[in-house]
Amino acid sequence: MNRRQVFDAASKRALVAGAEALEASVGGRDALIRQRNEALLAVLRAPGPLSARLPGGERAPD
């Protein structure tokens, strides 16, 4: 059986409030986006199977 779960209005408000608080805590939307991008790049640069690799096995430039 496929049951679709939907946020109720109170849950939506809480989710939006949390996202807005996080955004404000880091200095705004641009700062939050920058932090997200830096975290994603750190994952790609980390050694291991998720590392960004170029054809031929070379590491992607930093």
PDB file of N, CA and C in Angstrom:
ATOM      1  N   MET A   1       0.849  -1.179   0.000  1.00  0.00           N
ATOM      2  CA  MET A   1       0.000   0.000   0.000  1.00  0.00           C
ATOM      3  C   MET A   1       0.890   1.237   0.000  1.00  0.00           C
ATOM      4  N   ASN A   2       0.589   2.191  -0.851  1.00  0.00           N
ATOM      5  CA  ASN A   2       1.359   3.427  -0.970  1.00  0.00           C
ATOM      6  C   ASN A   2       0.621   4.555  -0.261  1.00  0.00           C
ATOM      7  N   ARG A   3       1.170   4.988   0.880  1.00  0.00           N
ATOM      8  CA  ARG A   3       0.543   6.080   1.634  1.00  0.00           C
ATOM      9  C   ARG A   3       1.397   7.316   1.492  1.00  0.00           C
ATOM     10  N   ARG A   4       0.793   8.383   1.070  1.00  0.00           N
ATOM     11  CA  ARG A   4       1.494   9.654   0.923  1.00  0.00           C
ATOM     12  C   ARG A   4       1.364  10.441   2.213  1.00  0.00           C
ATOM     13  N   GLN A   5       2.511  10.876   2.750  1.00  0.00           N
ATOM     14  CA  GLN A   5       2.480  11.670   3.967  1.00  0.00           C
ATOM     15  C   GLN A   5       2.593  13.139   3.589  1.00  0.00           C
ATOM     16  N   VAL A   6       1.808  13.952   4.259  1.00  0.00           N
ATOM     17  CA  VAL A   6       1.751  15.371   3.975  1.00  0.00           C
ATOM     18  C   VAL A   6       1.989  16.144   5.270  1.00  0.00           C
ATOM     19  N   PHE A   7       2.775  17.216   5.185  1.00  0.00           N
ATOM     20  CA  PHE A   7       2.972  18.068   6.357  1.00  0.00           C
ATOM     21  C   PHE A   7       1.683  18.827   6.648  1.00  0.00           C
ATOM     22  N   ASP A   8       1.337  18.902   7.913  1.00  0.00           N
ATOM     23  CA  ASP A   8       0.210  19.753   8.275  1.00  0.00           C
ATOM     24  C   ASP A   8       0.713  21.198   8.387  1.00  0.00           C
ATOM     25  N   ALA A   9      -0.192  22.137   8.562  1.00  0.00           N
ATOM     26  CA  ALA A   9       0.164  23.557   8.570  1.00  0.00           C
ATOM     27  C   ALA A   9       1.154  23.891   9.684  1.00  0.00           C
ATOM     28  N   ALA A  10       0.981  23.313  10.855  1.00  0.00           N
ATOM     29  CA  ALA A  10       1.885  23.595  11.978  1.00  0.00           C
ATOM     30  C   ALA A  10       3.290  23.066  11.680  1.00  0.00           C
ATOM     31  N   SER A  11       3.383  21.895  11.065  1.00  0.00           N
ATOM     32  CA  SER A  11       4.689  21.333  10.710  1.00  0.00           C
ATOM     33  C   SER A  11       5.383  22.191   9.662  1.00  0.00           C
ATOM     34  N   LYS A  12       4.621  22.673   8.689  1.00  0.00           N
ATOM     35  CA  LYS A  12       5.190  23.548   7.659  1.00  0.00           C
ATOM     36  C   LYS A  12       5.734  24.825   8.285  1.00  0.00           C
ATOM     37  N   ARG A  13       4.970  25.423   9.192  1.00  0.00           N
ATOM     38  CA  ARG A  13       5.427  26.653   9.858  1.00  0.00           C
ATOM     39  C   ARG A  13       6.705  26.400  10.649  1.00  0.00           C
ATOM     40  N   ALA A  14       6.763  25.273  11.352  1.00  0.00           N
ATOM     41  CA  ALA A  14       7.953  24.939  12.141  1.00  0.00           C
ATOM     42  C   ALA A  14       9.164  24.716  11.240  1.00  0.00           C
ATOM     43  N   LEU A  15       8.962  24.053  10.114  1.00  0.00           N
ATOM     44  CA  LEU A  15      10.046  23.813   9.171  1.00  0.00           C
ATOM     45  C   LEU A  15      10.571  25.119   8.586  1.00  0.00           C
ATOM     46  N   VAL A  16       9.678  25.996   8.170  1.00  0.00           N
ATOM     47  CA  VAL A  16      10.071  27.293   7.620  1.00  0.00           C
ATOM     48  C   VAL A  16      10.775  28.134   8.680  1.00  0.00           C
ATOM     49  N   ALA A  17      10.261  28.139   9.898  1.00  0.00           N
ATOM     50  CA  ALA A  17      10.884  28.910  10.976  1.00  0.00           C
ATOM     51  C   ALA A  17      12.295  28.402  11.260  1.00  0.00           C
ATOM     52  N   GLY A  18      12.476  27.092  11.252  1.00  0.00           N
ATOM     53  CA  GLY A  18      13.798  26.525  11.474  1.00  0.00           C
ATOM     54  C   GLY A  18      14.771  26.894  10.371  1.00  0.00           C
ATOM     55  N   ALA A  19      14.309  26.838   9.125  1.00  0.00           N
ATOM     56  CA  ALA A  19      15.165  27.205   7.993  1.00  0.00           C
ATOM     57  C   ALA A  19      15.525  28.685   8.053  1.00  0.00           C
ATOM     58  N   GLU A  20      14.572  29.526   8.408  1.00  0.00           N
ATOM     59  CA  GLU A  20      14.849  30.965   8.521  1.00  0.00           C
ATOM     60  C   GLU A  20      15.819  31.256   9.657  1.00  0.00           C
ATOM     61  N   ALA A  21      15.689  30.529  10.768  1.00  0.00           N
ATOM     62  CA  ALA A  21      16.608  30.723  11.897  1.00  0.00           C
ATOM     63  C   ALA A  21      18.021  30.290  11.519  1.00  0.00           C
ATOM     64  N   LEU A  22      18.139  29.179  10.814  1.00  0.00           N
ATOM     65  CA  LEU A  22      19.450  28.717  10.365  1.00  0.00           C
ATOM     66  C   LEU A  22      20.076  29.740   9.426  1.00  0.00           C
ATOM     67  N   GLU A  23      19.297  30.220   8.484  1.00  0.00           N
ATOM     68  CA  GLU A  23      19.770  31.223   7.537  1.00  0.00           C
ATOM     69  C   GLU A  23      20.260  32.472   8.271  1.00  0.00           C
ATOM     70  N   ALA A  24      19.498  32.942   9.233  1.00  0.00           N
ATOM     71  CA  ALA A  24      19.869  34.139   9.985  1.00  0.00           C
ATOM     72  C   ALA A  24      21.125  33.899  10.825  1.00  0.00           C
ATOM     73  N   SER A  25      21.297  32.673  11.336  1.00  0.00           N
ATOM     74  CA  SER A  25      22.426  32.384  12.220  1.00  0.00           C
ATOM     75  C   SER A  25      23.771  32.393  11.506  1.00  0.00           C
ATOM     76  N   VAL A  26      23.756  32.226  10.187  1.00  0.00           N
ATOM     77  CA  VAL A  26      25.017  32.203   9.435  1.00  0.00           C
ATOM     78  C   VAL A  26      25.247  33.481   8.639  1.00  0.00           C
ATOM     79  N   GLY A  27      24.338  34.429   8.728  1.00  0.00           N
ATOM     80  CA  GLY A  27      24.532  35.699   8.052  1.00  0.00           C
ATOM     81  C   GLY A  27      23.763  35.865   6.759  1.00  0.00           C
ATOM     82  N   GLY A  28      22.740  35.067   6.566  1.00  0.00           N
ATOM     83  CA  GLY A  28      21.885  35.246   5.403  1.00  0.00           C
ATOM     84  C   GLY A  28      21.962  34.096   4.421  1.00  0.00           C
ATOM     85  N   ARG A  29      21.122  34.193   3.406  1.00  0.00           N
ATOM     86  CA  ARG A  29      20.997  33.126   2.404  1.00  0.00           C
ATOM     87  C   ARG A  29      22.289  32.887   1.649  1.00  0.00           C
ATOM     88  N   ASP A  30      22.968  33.941   1.226  1.00  0.00           N
ATOM     89  CA  ASP A  30      24.210  33.768   0.471  1.00  0.00           C
ATOM     90  C   ASP A  30      25.261  33.041   1.299  1.00  0.00           C
ATOM     91  N   ALA A  31      25.358  33.378   2.586  1.00  0.00           N
ATOM     92  CA  ALA A  31      26.325  32.710   3.458  1.00  0.00           C
ATOM     93  C   ALA A  31      25.962  31.240   3.643  1.00  0.00           C
ATOM     94  N   LEU A  32      24.682  30.941   3.762  1.00  0.00           N
ATOM     95  CA  LEU A  32      24.239  29.556   3.912  1.00  0.00           C
ATOM     96  C   LEU A  32      24.558  28.758   2.649  1.00  0.00           C
ATOM     97  N   ILE A  33      24.300  29.332   1.504  1.00  0.00           N
ATOM     98  CA  ILE A  33      24.608  28.672   0.230  1.00  0.00           C
ATOM     99  C   ILE A  33      26.112  28.441   0.108  1.00  0.00           C
ATOM    100  N   ARG A  34      26.900  29.432   0.496  1.00  0.00           N
ATOM    101  CA  ARG A  34      28.364  29.299   0.444  1.00  0.00           C
ATOM    102  C   ARG A  34      28.832  28.156   1.351  1.00  0.00           C
ATOM    103  N   GLN A  35      28.272  28.074   2.556  1.00  0.00           N
ATOM    104  CA  GLN A  35      28.638  26.990   3.474  1.00  0.00           C
ATOM    105  C   GLN A  35      28.255  25.629   2.904  1.00  0.00           C
ATOM    106  N   ARG A  36      27.074  25.564   2.313  1.00  0.00           N
ATOM    107  CA  ARG A  36      26.643  24.298   1.695  1.00  0.00           C
ATOM    108  C   ARG A  36      27.600  23.887   0.593  1.00  0.00           C
ATOM    109  N   ASN A  37      27.965  24.844  -0.264  1.00  0.00           N
ATOM    110  CA  ASN A  37      28.859  24.539  -1.377  1.00  0.00           C
ATOM    111  C   ASN A  37      30.232  24.104  -0.885  1.00  0.00           C
ATOM    112  N   GLU A  38      30.743  24.765   0.145  1.00  0.00           N
ATOM    113  CA  GLU A  38      32.041  24.387   0.709  1.00  0.00           C
ATOM    114  C   GLU A  38      31.992  22.976   1.286  1.00  0.00           C
ATOM    115  N   ALA A  39      30.894  22.629   1.939  1.00  0.00           N
ATOM    116  CA  ALA A  39      30.751  21.285   2.507  1.00  0.00           C
ATOM    117  C   ALA A  39      30.687  20.230   1.405  1.00  0.00           C
ATOM    118  N   LEU A  40      29.966  20.518   0.336  1.00  0.00           N
ATOM    119  CA  LEU A  40      29.887  19.580  -0.783  1.00  0.00           C
ATOM    120  C   LEU A  40      31.252  19.393  -1.439  1.00  0.00           C
ATOM    121  N   LEU A  41      31.991  20.483  -1.618  1.00  0.00           N
ATOM    122  CA  LEU A  41      33.330  20.384  -2.201  1.00  0.00           C
ATOM    123  C   LEU A  41      34.264  19.585  -1.297  1.00  0.00           C
ATOM    124  N   ALA A  42      34.144  19.757   0.011  1.00  0.00           N
ATOM    125  CA  ALA A  42      34.981  18.999   0.943  1.00  0.00           C
ATOM    126  C   ALA A  42      34.721  17.500   0.797  1.00  0.00           C
ATOM    127  N   VAL A  43      33.461  17.124   0.604  1.00  0.00           N
ATOM    128  CA  VAL A  43      33.130  15.716   0.406  1.00  0.00           C
ATOM    129  C   VAL A  43      33.753  15.210  -0.890  1.00  0.00           C
ATOM    130  N   LEU A  44      33.648  15.989  -1.949  1.00  0.00           N
ATOM    131  CA  LEU A  44      34.195  15.572  -3.236  1.00  0.00           C
ATOM    132  C   LEU A  44      35.715  15.479  -3.212  1.00  0.00           C
ATOM    133  N   ARG A  45      36.355  16.295  -2.406  1.00  0.00           N
ATOM    134  CA  ARG A  45      37.824  16.300  -2.333  1.00  0.00           C
ATOM    135  C   ARG A  45      38.373  15.253  -1.377  1.00  0.00           C
ATOM    136  N   ALA A  46      37.531  14.705  -0.532  1.00  0.00           N
ATOM    137  CA  ALA A  46      37.982  13.736   0.469  1.00  0.00           C
ATOM    138  C   ALA A  46      38.444  12.454  -0.220  1.00  0.00           C
ATOM    139  N   PRO A  47      39.466  11.819   0.338  1.00  0.00           N
ATOM    140  CA  PRO A  47      39.904  10.560  -0.253  1.00  0.00           C
ATOM    141  C   PRO A  47      38.832   9.489  -0.086  1.00  0.00           C
ATOM    142  N   GLY A  48      38.803   8.573  -1.002  1.00  0.00           N
ATOM    143  CA  GLY A  48      37.842   7.479  -0.905  1.00  0.00           C
ATOM    144  C   GLY A  48      36.991   7.362  -2.143  1.00  0.00           C
ATOM    145  N   PRO A  49      36.020   6.488  -2.103  1.00  0.00           N
ATOM    146  CA  PRO A  49      35.230   6.188  -3.308  1.00  0.00           C
ATOM    147  C   PRO A  49      34.362   7.343  -3.796  1.00  0.00           C
ATOM    148  N   LEU A  50      34.089   8.342  -2.967  1.00  0.00           N
ATOM    149  CA  LEU A  50      33.265   9.464  -3.412  1.00  0.00           C
ATOM    150  C   LEU A  50      34.096  10.620  -3.952  1.00  0.00           C
ATOM    151  N   SER A  51      35.403  10.478  -3.968  1.00  0.00           N
ATOM    152  CA  SER A  51      36.277  11.546  -4.427  1.00  0.00           C
ATOM    153  C   SER A  51      35.993  11.900  -5.882  1.00  0.00           C
ATOM    154  N   ALA A  52      36.131  13.179  -6.177  1.00  0.00           N
ATOM    155  CA  ALA A  52      35.987  13.623  -7.562  1.00  0.00           C
ATOM    156  C   ALA A  52      37.222  13.179  -8.321  1.00  0.00           C
ATOM    157  N   ARG A  53      37.025  12.419  -9.353  1.00  0.00           N
ATOM    158  CA  ARG A  53      38.142  11.915 -10.160  1.00  0.00           C
ATOM    159  C   ARG A  53      37.920  12.323 -11.613  1.00  0.00           C
ATOM    160  N   LEU A  54      39.014  12.655 -12.242  1.00  0.00           N
ATOM    161  CA  LEU A  54      38.978  12.942 -13.662  1.00  0.00           C
ATOM    162  C   LEU A  54      39.203  11.640 -14.419  1.00  0.00           C
ATOM    163  N   PRO A  55      38.882  11.623 -15.710  1.00  0.00           N
ATOM    164  CA  PRO A  55      39.199  10.423 -16.483  1.00  0.00           C
ATOM    165  C   PRO A  55      40.673  10.100 -16.348  1.00  0.00           C
ATOM    166  N   GLY A  56      41.008   8.855 -16.187  1.00  0.00           N
ATOM    167  CA  GLY A  56      42.389   8.448 -15.992  1.00  0.00           C
ATOM    168  C   GLY A  56      42.768   8.358 -14.532  1.00  0.00           C
ATOM    169  N   GLY A  57      41.843   8.656 -13.603  1.00  0.00           N
ATOM    170  CA  GLY A  57      42.098   8.516 -12.194  1.00  0.00           C
ATOM    171  C   GLY A  57      42.731   9.716 -11.532  1.00  0.00           C
ATOM    172  N   GLU A  58      42.925  10.812 -12.270  1.00  0.00           N
ATOM    173  CA  GLU A  58      43.517  12.013 -11.671  1.00  0.00           C
ATOM    174  C   GLU A  58      42.533  12.678 -10.721  1.00  0.00           C
ATOM    175  N   ARG A  59      43.076  13.333  -9.694  1.00  0.00           N
ATOM    176  CA  ARG A  59      42.236  14.099  -8.760  1.00  0.00           C
ATOM    177  C   ARG A  59      41.779  15.381  -9.443  1.00  0.00           C
ATOM    178  N   ALA A  60      40.560  15.791  -9.149  1.00  0.00           N
ATOM    179  CA  ALA A  60      40.059  17.072  -9.639  1.00  0.00           C
ATOM    180  C   ALA A  60      40.804  18.193  -8.926  1.00  0.00           C
ATOM    181  N   PRO A  61      41.045  19.324  -9.602  1.00  0.00           N
ATOM    182  CA  PRO A  61      41.754  20.437  -8.962  1.00  0.00           C
ATOM    183  C   PRO A  61      40.933  21.044  -7.847  1.00  0.00           C
ATOM    184  N   ASP A  62      41.609  21.572  -6.839  1.00  0.00           N
ATOM    185  CA  ASP A  62      40.920  22.214  -5.713  1.00  0.00           C
ATOM    186  C   ASP A  62      40.417  23.573  -6.081  1.00  0.00           C
TER     187      ASP A  62
END
